Amino acid sequence: MRSVRRIAAILGVLLLAGVAGLRMRFGEQADIGAGYGAKHLCSCVFVAGRDYDACRRDLGPEMDPVKSTVLGDTVEAWVPPLIAGRIARFHEGTGCTLE
Protein backbone atom coordinates (compact mmCIF):
# COMPACT_ATOMS: atom_id res chain seq x y z
CA MET A 1 0.00 0.00 0.00
CA ARG A 2 2.82 2.35 0.90
CA SER A 3 4.65 1.68 -2.35
CA VAL A 4 1.51 2.50 -4.36
CA ARG A 5 1.29 5.89 -2.66
CA ARG A 6 4.97 6.50 -3.27
CA ILE A 7 4.62 5.64 -6.97
CA ALA A 8 1.54 7.87 -7.25
CA ALA A 9 3.43 10.75 -5.61
CA ILE A 10 6.39 10.31 -7.94
CA LEU A 11 4.10 10.23 -10.98
CA GLY A 12 2.36 13.38 -9.76
CA VAL A 13 5.67 15.20 -9.37
CA LEU A 14 6.78 14.07 -12.84
CA LEU A 15 3.49 15.26 -14.34
CA LEU A 16 3.83 18.69 -12.72
CA ALA A 17 7.45 18.94 -13.86
CA GLY A 18 6.41 18.03 -17.40
CA VAL A 19 3.69 20.67 -17.51
CA ALA A 20 6.09 23.26 -16.08
CA GLY A 21 8.67 22.32 -18.69
CA LEU A 22 6.13 22.65 -21.50
CA ARG A 23 5.07 26.04 -20.15
CA MET A 24 8.65 27.27 -20.05
CA ARG A 25 9.44 25.97 -23.54
CA PHE A 26 6.24 26.85 -25.40
CA GLY A 27 4.47 29.30 -23.06
CA GLU A 28 4.87 32.49 -25.10
CA GLN A 29 3.97 30.84 -28.40
CA ALA A 30 1.01 29.08 -26.80
CA ASP A 31 -0.21 32.34 -25.25
CA ILE A 32 -0.03 34.12 -28.61
CA GLY A 33 -1.79 31.24 -30.36
CA ALA A 34 -4.56 31.08 -27.75
CA GLY A 35 -5.07 34.86 -27.94
CA TYR A 36 -5.13 34.86 -31.74
CA GLY A 37 -7.59 31.98 -31.79
CA ALA A 38 -9.92 33.54 -29.22
CA LYS A 39 -9.93 36.95 -30.93
CA HIS A 40 -10.39 35.54 -34.44
CA LEU A 41 -13.22 33.24 -33.42
CA CYS A 42 -14.97 35.95 -31.40
CA SER A 43 -14.85 38.41 -34.30
CA CYS A 44 -15.83 35.78 -36.85
CA VAL A 45 -18.80 34.43 -34.85
CA PHE A 46 -20.16 37.59 -33.22
CA VAL A 47 -19.15 40.40 -35.59
CA ALA A 48 -19.27 38.62 -38.95
CA GLY A 49 -22.14 36.35 -37.87
CA ARG A 50 -20.56 33.20 -39.31
CA ASP A 51 -20.89 29.63 -38.12
CA TYR A 52 -18.35 28.53 -35.48
CA ASP A 53 -17.19 25.51 -37.49
CA ALA A 54 -16.56 27.64 -40.59
CA CYS A 55 -14.63 30.15 -38.47
CA ARG A 56 -12.61 27.36 -36.89
CA ARG A 57 -11.61 26.05 -40.34
CA ASP A 58 -10.29 29.54 -41.19
CA LEU A 59 -7.56 29.12 -38.58
CA GLY A 60 -5.77 26.39 -40.53
CA PRO A 61 -3.96 23.23 -39.44
CA GLU A 62 -1.17 25.05 -37.57
CA MET A 63 -3.78 26.10 -35.01
CA ASP A 64 -5.01 22.54 -34.35
CA PRO A 65 -3.36 22.42 -30.88
CA VAL A 66 -5.52 25.40 -29.82
CA LYS A 67 -8.85 24.23 -28.41
CA SER A 68 -11.78 26.63 -28.12
CA THR A 69 -15.36 27.02 -27.02
CA VAL A 70 -18.07 29.68 -27.29
CA LEU A 71 -19.89 30.52 -24.05
CA GLY A 72 -22.51 33.24 -24.27
CA ASP A 73 -20.77 36.35 -25.64
CA THR A 74 -17.24 35.03 -25.03
CA VAL A 75 -14.81 32.71 -26.73
CA GLU A 76 -12.30 30.83 -24.63
CA ALA A 77 -9.24 29.35 -26.33
CA TRP A 78 -6.53 27.30 -24.69
CA VAL A 79 -3.55 25.09 -25.42
CA PRO A 80 -3.63 21.89 -23.37
CA PRO A 81 -2.25 20.71 -21.05
CA LEU A 82 -2.57 23.91 -19.02
CA ILE A 83 0.03 25.76 -21.07
CA ALA A 84 -1.98 28.85 -22.02
CA GLY A 85 -5.51 30.17 -22.19
CA ARG A 86 -7.16 33.41 -23.33
CA ILE A 87 -10.70 34.81 -23.43
CA ALA A 88 -12.16 37.22 -25.99
CA ARG A 89 -15.43 38.97 -25.16
CA PHE A 90 -17.89 40.54 -27.59
CA HIS A 91 -19.10 44.07 -26.80
CA GLU A 92 -22.05 45.39 -28.77
CA GLY A 93 -21.02 48.29 -30.96
CA THR A 94 -17.27 47.90 -30.43
CA GLY A 95 -16.53 44.27 -31.33
CA CYS A 96 -14.31 41.77 -29.54
CA THR A 97 -11.49 42.38 -27.10
CA LEU A 98 -9.09 40.05 -25.34
CA GLU A 99 -9.29 39.93 -21.56
C-alpha atoms as a PDB file:
ATOM      1  CA  MET A   1       0.000   0.000   0.000  1.00  0.00           C
ATOM      2  CA  ARG A   2       2.816   2.354   0.902  1.00  0.00           C
ATOM      3  CA  SER A   3       4.652   1.676  -2.350  1.00  0.00           C
ATOM      4  CA  VAL A   4       1.506   2.498  -4.365  1.00  0.00           C
ATOM      5  CA  ARG A   5       1.285   5.890  -2.664  1.00  0.00           C
ATOM      6  CA  ARG A   6       4.974   6.503  -3.266  1.00  0.00           C
ATOM      7  CA  ILE A   7       4.619   5.635  -6.968  1.00  0.00           C
ATOM      8  CA  ALA A   8       1.542   7.873  -7.255  1.00  0.00           C
ATOM      9  CA  ALA A   9       3.427  10.750  -5.614  1.00  0.00           C
ATOM     10  CA  ILE A  10       6.395  10.306  -7.945  1.00  0.00           C
ATOM     11  CA  LEU A  11       4.101  10.227 -10.982  1.00  0.00           C
ATOM     12  CA  GLY A  12       2.358  13.383  -9.756  1.00  0.00           C
ATOM     13  CA  VAL A  13       5.673  15.202  -9.370  1.00  0.00           C
ATOM     14  CA  LEU A  14       6.778  14.070 -12.843  1.00  0.00           C
ATOM     15  CA  LEU A  15       3.490  15.259 -14.344  1.00  0.00           C
ATOM     16  CA  LEU A  16       3.828  18.687 -12.724  1.00  0.00           C
ATOM     17  CA  ALA A  17       7.448  18.937 -13.862  1.00  0.00           C
ATOM     18  CA  GLY A  18       6.407  18.028 -17.404  1.00  0.00           C
ATOM     19  CA  VAL A  19       3.691  20.674 -17.507  1.00  0.00           C
ATOM     20  CA  ALA A  20       6.090  23.263 -16.078  1.00  0.00           C
ATOM     21  CA  GLY A  21       8.672  22.324 -18.691  1.00  0.00           C
ATOM     22  CA  LEU A  22       6.131  22.651 -21.499  1.00  0.00           C
ATOM     23  CA  ARG A  23       5.066  26.041 -20.155  1.00  0.00           C
ATOM     24  CA  MET A  24       8.649  27.275 -20.050  1.00  0.00           C
ATOM     25  CA  ARG A  25       9.444  25.972 -23.537  1.00  0.00           C
ATOM     26  CA  PHE A  26       6.244  26.846 -25.400  1.00  0.00           C
ATOM     27  CA  GLY A  27       4.474  29.296 -23.062  1.00  0.00           C
ATOM     28  CA  GLU A  28       4.873  32.494 -25.096  1.00  0.00           C
ATOM     29  CA  GLN A  29       3.967  30.841 -28.398  1.00  0.00           C
ATOM     30  CA  ALA A  30       1.009  29.084 -26.798  1.00  0.00           C
ATOM     31  CA  ASP A  31      -0.208  32.345 -25.249  1.00  0.00           C
ATOM     32  CA  ILE A  32      -0.027  34.121 -28.614  1.00  0.00           C
ATOM     33  CA  GLY A  33      -1.793  31.238 -30.358  1.00  0.00           C
ATOM     34  CA  ALA A  34      -4.563  31.081 -27.752  1.00  0.00           C
ATOM     35  CA  GLY A  35      -5.068  34.861 -27.945  1.00  0.00           C
ATOM     36  CA  TYR A  36      -5.135  34.864 -31.739  1.00  0.00           C
ATOM     37  CA  GLY A  37      -7.594  31.976 -31.792  1.00  0.00           C
ATOM     38  CA  ALA A  38      -9.917  33.538 -29.222  1.00  0.00           C
ATOM     39  CA  LYS A  39      -9.932  36.954 -30.933  1.00  0.00           C
ATOM     40  CA  HIS A  40     -10.387  35.537 -34.436  1.00  0.00           C
ATOM     41  CA  LEU A  41     -13.225  33.241 -33.423  1.00  0.00           C
ATOM     42  CA  CYS A  42     -14.968  35.949 -31.404  1.00  0.00           C
ATOM     43  CA  SER A  43     -14.849  38.413 -34.305  1.00  0.00           C
ATOM     44  CA  CYS A  44     -15.830  35.784 -36.848  1.00  0.00           C
ATOM     45  CA  VAL A  45     -18.798  34.430 -34.854  1.00  0.00           C
ATOM     46  CA  PHE A  46     -20.164  37.593 -33.216  1.00  0.00           C
ATOM     47  CA  VAL A  47     -19.146  40.402 -35.591  1.00  0.00           C
ATOM     48  CA  ALA A  48     -19.272  38.619 -38.949  1.00  0.00           C
ATOM     49  CA  GLY A  49     -22.143  36.350 -37.873  1.00  0.00           C
ATOM     50  CA  ARG A  50     -20.562  33.202 -39.312  1.00  0.00           C
ATOM     51  CA  ASP A  51     -20.893  29.630 -38.120  1.00  0.00           C
ATOM     52  CA  TYR A  52     -18.353  28.532 -35.479  1.00  0.00           C
ATOM     53  CA  ASP A  53     -17.190  25.506 -37.487  1.00  0.00           C
ATOM     54  CA  ALA A  54     -16.562  27.636 -40.589  1.00  0.00           C
ATOM     55  CA  CYS A  55     -14.626  30.150 -38.471  1.00  0.00           C
ATOM     56  CA  ARG A  56     -12.607  27.360 -36.885  1.00  0.00           C
ATOM     57  CA  ARG A  57     -11.606  26.052 -40.338  1.00  0.00           C
ATOM     58  CA  ASP A  58     -10.291  29.545 -41.195  1.00  0.00           C
ATOM     59  CA  LEU A  59      -7.556  29.120 -38.581  1.00  0.00           C
ATOM     60  CA  GLY A  60      -5.768  26.391 -40.528  1.00  0.00           C
ATOM     61  CA  PRO A  61      -3.957  23.233 -39.437  1.00  0.00           C
ATOM     62  CA  GLU A  62      -1.169  25.046 -37.571  1.00  0.00           C
ATOM     63  CA  MET A  63      -3.779  26.102 -35.009  1.00  0.00           C
ATOM     64  CA  ASP A  64      -5.012  22.539 -34.351  1.00  0.00           C
ATOM     65  CA  PRO A  65      -3.359  22.424 -30.877  1.00  0.00           C
ATOM     66  CA  VAL A  66      -5.518  25.398 -29.820  1.00  0.00           C
ATOM     67  CA  LYS A  67      -8.852  24.234 -28.415  1.00  0.00           C
ATOM     68  CA  SER A  68     -11.783  26.631 -28.115  1.00  0.00           C
ATOM     69  CA  THR A  69     -15.356  27.019 -27.017  1.00  0.00           C
ATOM     70  CA  VAL A  70     -18.068  29.679 -27.291  1.00  0.00           C
ATOM     71  CA  LEU A  71     -19.894  30.521 -24.054  1.00  0.00           C
ATOM     72  CA  GLY A  72     -22.514  33.242 -24.271  1.00  0.00           C
ATOM     73  CA  ASP A  73     -20.766  36.346 -25.638  1.00  0.00           C
ATOM     74  CA  THR A  74     -17.244  35.034 -25.034  1.00  0.00           C
ATOM     75  CA  VAL A  75     -14.808  32.715 -26.730  1.00  0.00           C
ATOM     76  CA  GLU A  76     -12.300  30.829 -24.627  1.00  0.00           C
ATOM     77  CA  ALA A  77      -9.244  29.348 -26.332  1.00  0.00           C
ATOM     78  CA  TRP A  78      -6.529  27.298 -24.689  1.00  0.00           C
ATOM     79  CA  VAL A  79      -3.549  25.094 -25.416  1.00  0.00           C
ATOM     80  CA  PRO A  80      -3.629  21.887 -23.375  1.00  0.00           C
ATOM     81  CA  PRO A  81      -2.249  20.711 -21.052  1.00  0.00           C
ATOM     82  CA  LEU A  82      -2.572  23.910 -19.018  1.00  0.00           C
ATOM     83  CA  ILE A  83       0.035  25.763 -21.071  1.00  0.00           C
ATOM     84  CA  ALA A  84      -1.980  28.849 -22.019  1.00  0.00           C
ATOM     85  CA  GLY A  85      -5.507  30.175 -22.195  1.00  0.00           C
ATOM     86  CA  ARG A  86      -7.157  33.410 -23.327  1.00  0.00           C
ATOM     87  CA  ILE A  87     -10.699  34.810 -23.435  1.00  0.00           C
ATOM     88  CA  ALA A  88     -12.158  37.215 -25.989  1.00  0.00           C
ATOM     89  CA  ARG A  89     -15.430  38.968 -25.159  1.00  0.00           C
ATOM     90  CA  PHE A  90     -17.893  40.538 -27.594  1.00  0.00           C
ATOM     91  CA  HIS A  91     -19.102  44.071 -26.801  1.00  0.00           C
ATOM     92  CA  GLU A  92     -22.050  45.395 -28.773  1.00  0.00           C
ATOM     93  CA  GLY A  93     -21.016  48.295 -30.965  1.00  0.00           C
ATOM     94  CA  THR A  94     -17.275  47.898 -30.426  1.00  0.00           C
ATOM     95  CA  GLY A  95     -16.527  44.266 -31.332  1.00  0.00           C
ATOM     96  CA  CYS A  96     -14.309  41.769 -29.543  1.00  0.00           C
ATOM     97  CA  THR A  97     -11.488  42.379 -27.102  1.00  0.00           C
ATOM     98  CA  LEU A  98      -9.088  40.054 -25.338  1.00  0.00           C
ATOM     99  CA  GLU A  99      -9.285  39.930 -21.565  1.00  0.00           C
END
